[in-house]
N, C-alpha and C. Protein backbone atom coordinates (compact mmCIF):
# COMPACT_ATOMS: atom_id res chain seq x y z
N UNK A 1 -99.62 58.17 124.90
CA UNK A 1 -98.17 58.21 124.94
C UNK A 1 -97.59 56.82 125.23
N UNK A 2 -98.28 56.07 126.08
CA UNK A 2 -97.81 54.74 126.43
C UNK A 2 -97.84 53.81 125.22
N UNK A 3 -98.88 53.96 124.38
CA UNK A 3 -98.98 53.12 123.18
C UNK A 3 -97.86 53.46 122.20
N UNK A 4 -97.54 54.74 122.09
CA UNK A 4 -96.46 55.16 121.20
C UNK A 4 -95.11 54.61 121.68
N UNK A 5 -94.92 54.62 122.99
CA UNK A 5 -93.70 54.05 123.56
C UNK A 5 -93.61 52.56 123.29
N UNK A 6 -94.72 51.86 123.42
CA UNK A 6 -94.74 50.43 123.14
C UNK A 6 -94.45 50.13 121.68
N UNK A 7 -95.03 50.94 120.79
CA UNK A 7 -94.79 50.75 119.36
C UNK A 7 -93.33 51.02 119.01
N UNK A 8 -92.76 52.04 119.62
CA UNK A 8 -91.35 52.35 119.38
C UNK A 8 -90.46 51.21 119.86
N UNK A 9 -90.80 50.62 121.00
CA UNK A 9 -90.03 49.49 121.51
C UNK A 9 -90.09 48.29 120.58
N UNK A 10 -91.27 48.03 120.02
CA UNK A 10 -91.42 46.91 119.09
C UNK A 10 -90.61 47.15 117.83
N UNK A 11 -90.70 48.37 117.28
CA UNK A 11 -89.97 48.69 116.05
C UNK A 11 -88.46 48.59 116.29
N UNK A 12 -87.98 49.11 117.40
CA UNK A 12 -86.55 49.03 117.69
C UNK A 12 -86.11 47.59 117.93
N UNK A 13 -86.97 46.78 118.52
CA UNK A 13 -86.65 45.37 118.70
C UNK A 13 -86.53 44.64 117.38
N UNK A 14 -87.44 44.93 116.46
CA UNK A 14 -87.39 44.30 115.15
C UNK A 14 -86.14 44.75 114.39
N UNK A 15 -85.84 46.04 114.45
CA UNK A 15 -84.63 46.54 113.77
C UNK A 15 -83.36 45.93 114.36
N UNK A 16 -83.33 45.77 115.67
CA UNK A 16 -82.17 45.14 116.30
C UNK A 16 -82.02 43.69 115.88
N UNK A 17 -83.15 42.98 115.78
CA UNK A 17 -83.09 41.58 115.36
C UNK A 17 -82.62 41.47 113.91
N UNK A 18 -83.11 42.34 113.05
CA UNK A 18 -82.68 42.32 111.64
C UNK A 18 -81.19 42.65 111.54
N UNK A 19 -80.75 43.64 112.31
CA UNK A 19 -79.32 43.99 112.30
C UNK A 19 -78.49 42.82 112.81
N UNK A 20 -78.99 42.11 113.81
CA UNK A 20 -78.28 40.94 114.32
C UNK A 20 -78.16 39.84 113.29
N UNK A 21 -79.23 39.61 112.53
CA UNK A 21 -79.20 38.57 111.50
C UNK A 21 -78.20 38.95 110.40
N UNK A 22 -78.24 40.20 109.97
CA UNK A 22 -77.31 40.65 108.92
C UNK A 22 -75.87 40.55 109.42
N UNK A 23 -75.63 40.97 110.65
CA UNK A 23 -74.29 40.88 111.21
C UNK A 23 -73.86 39.43 111.36
N UNK A 24 -74.79 38.55 111.69
CA UNK A 24 -74.47 37.13 111.78
C UNK A 24 -74.05 36.54 110.45
N UNK A 25 -74.72 36.95 109.38
CA UNK A 25 -74.35 36.47 108.05
C UNK A 25 -72.96 36.98 107.67
N UNK A 26 -72.70 38.26 107.94
CA UNK A 26 -71.37 38.83 107.66
C UNK A 26 -70.31 38.11 108.49
N UNK A 27 -70.62 37.84 109.76
CA UNK A 27 -69.65 37.17 110.63
C UNK A 27 -69.36 35.76 110.14
N UNK A 28 -70.38 35.06 109.65
CA UNK A 28 -70.15 33.71 109.12
C UNK A 28 -69.25 33.75 107.90
N UNK A 29 -69.46 34.74 107.04
CA UNK A 29 -68.60 34.86 105.85
C UNK A 29 -67.16 35.18 106.26
N UNK A 30 -67.00 36.08 107.23
CA UNK A 30 -65.65 36.42 107.71
C UNK A 30 -64.98 35.18 108.31
N UNK A 31 -65.73 34.39 109.07
CA UNK A 31 -65.18 33.20 109.68
C UNK A 31 -64.75 32.18 108.63
N UNK A 32 -65.56 32.00 107.59
CA UNK A 32 -65.21 31.07 106.51
C UNK A 32 -63.97 31.55 105.76
N UNK A 33 -63.86 32.86 105.54
CA UNK A 33 -62.65 33.39 104.90
C UNK A 33 -61.43 33.10 105.77
N UNK A 34 -61.56 33.27 107.07
CA UNK A 34 -60.46 32.94 107.97
C UNK A 34 -60.11 31.46 107.93
N UNK A 35 -61.12 30.61 107.83
CA UNK A 35 -60.88 29.18 107.73
C UNK A 35 -60.12 28.83 106.45
N UNK A 36 -60.52 29.45 105.35
CA UNK A 36 -59.82 29.20 104.08
C UNK A 36 -58.37 29.69 104.17
N UNK A 37 -58.17 30.82 104.83
CA UNK A 37 -56.80 31.32 105.00
C UNK A 37 -55.97 30.37 105.86
N UNK A 38 -56.60 29.76 106.87
CA UNK A 38 -55.88 28.82 107.72
C UNK A 38 -55.55 27.52 106.99
N UNK A 39 -56.40 27.12 106.07
CA UNK A 39 -56.12 25.90 105.30
C UNK A 39 -54.89 26.11 104.43
N UNK A 40 -54.74 27.33 103.92
CA UNK A 40 -53.52 27.66 103.18
C UNK A 40 -52.41 27.85 104.21
N UNK A 41 -51.50 26.91 104.28
CA UNK A 41 -50.52 26.84 105.37
C UNK A 41 -49.74 28.14 105.54
N UNK A 42 -49.38 28.79 104.45
CA UNK A 42 -48.57 30.01 104.55
C UNK A 42 -49.34 31.19 105.13
N UNK A 43 -50.67 31.15 105.06
CA UNK A 43 -51.46 32.29 105.52
C UNK A 43 -52.10 32.07 106.89
N UNK A 44 -51.62 31.07 107.65
CA UNK A 44 -52.17 30.83 108.99
C UNK A 44 -52.06 32.06 109.89
N UNK A 45 -50.93 32.81 109.88
CA UNK A 45 -50.87 34.00 110.74
C UNK A 45 -51.93 35.04 110.41
N UNK A 46 -52.43 35.05 109.20
CA UNK A 46 -53.50 35.97 108.84
C UNK A 46 -54.87 35.36 109.13
N UNK A 47 -54.99 34.05 108.98
CA UNK A 47 -56.29 33.39 109.13
C UNK A 47 -56.78 33.32 110.56
N UNK A 48 -55.89 33.12 111.51
CA UNK A 48 -56.31 32.98 112.91
C UNK A 48 -56.96 34.26 113.44
N UNK A 49 -56.36 35.45 113.24
CA UNK A 49 -57.05 36.66 113.71
C UNK A 49 -58.38 36.92 112.99
N UNK A 50 -58.46 36.54 111.72
CA UNK A 50 -59.71 36.73 110.98
C UNK A 50 -60.80 35.82 111.56
N UNK A 51 -60.43 34.59 111.93
CA UNK A 51 -61.41 33.69 112.55
C UNK A 51 -61.84 34.21 113.93
N UNK A 52 -60.90 34.78 114.68
CA UNK A 52 -61.25 35.36 115.98
C UNK A 52 -62.21 36.54 115.81
N UNK A 53 -61.97 37.35 114.78
CA UNK A 53 -62.87 38.46 114.49
C UNK A 53 -64.26 37.94 114.14
N UNK A 54 -64.33 36.89 113.34
CA UNK A 54 -65.62 36.29 112.99
C UNK A 54 -66.35 35.78 114.22
N UNK A 55 -65.62 35.16 115.14
CA UNK A 55 -66.25 34.66 116.37
C UNK A 55 -66.79 35.81 117.22
N UNK A 56 -66.01 36.89 117.32
CA UNK A 56 -66.49 38.05 118.08
C UNK A 56 -67.72 38.67 117.45
N UNK A 57 -67.73 38.75 116.12
CA UNK A 57 -68.90 39.30 115.43
C UNK A 57 -70.12 38.41 115.62
N UNK A 58 -69.92 37.08 115.65
CA UNK A 58 -71.05 36.18 115.91
C UNK A 58 -71.62 36.40 117.31
N UNK A 59 -70.74 36.62 118.28
CA UNK A 59 -71.21 36.92 119.63
C UNK A 59 -71.99 38.22 119.70
N UNK A 60 -71.50 39.22 118.99
CA UNK A 60 -72.20 40.51 118.96
C UNK A 60 -73.55 40.39 118.27
N UNK A 61 -73.60 39.60 117.21
CA UNK A 61 -74.88 39.42 116.51
C UNK A 61 -75.87 38.69 117.40
N UNK A 62 -75.39 37.74 118.19
CA UNK A 62 -76.28 37.06 119.14
C UNK A 62 -76.81 38.01 120.19
N UNK A 63 -75.97 38.93 120.65
CA UNK A 63 -76.44 39.93 121.62
C UNK A 63 -77.48 40.86 121.01
N UNK A 64 -77.32 41.19 119.74
CA UNK A 64 -78.29 42.07 119.08
C UNK A 64 -79.64 41.39 118.90
N UNK A 65 -79.63 40.08 118.72
CA UNK A 65 -80.88 39.37 118.45
C UNK A 65 -81.70 39.08 119.70
N UNK A 66 -81.11 39.22 120.89
CA UNK A 66 -81.87 38.97 122.12
C UNK A 66 -82.84 40.11 122.40
N UNK A 67 -84.03 39.74 122.77
CA UNK A 67 -85.03 40.75 123.13
C UNK A 67 -84.75 41.24 124.55
N UNK A 68 -84.94 42.52 124.79
CA UNK A 68 -84.73 43.03 126.15
C UNK A 68 -85.76 42.45 127.11
N UNK A 69 -85.30 42.07 128.28
CA UNK A 69 -86.19 41.41 129.23
C UNK A 69 -86.70 42.32 130.20
């Protein structure tokens, strides 16, 4: 039973890391879209919240990629 628990922990850790990487890529794309919106002067009110969302998603992806200690 202990070996099965260890294997489950490893599999869940790998899945969490993969989910973190995918979320990090999505967050980077969202952040770049926000940056492009901010460069367009008229769309700054839309670009700033999109960049904040991208930053929050990057933080969440970093939390997902950390291994439990």
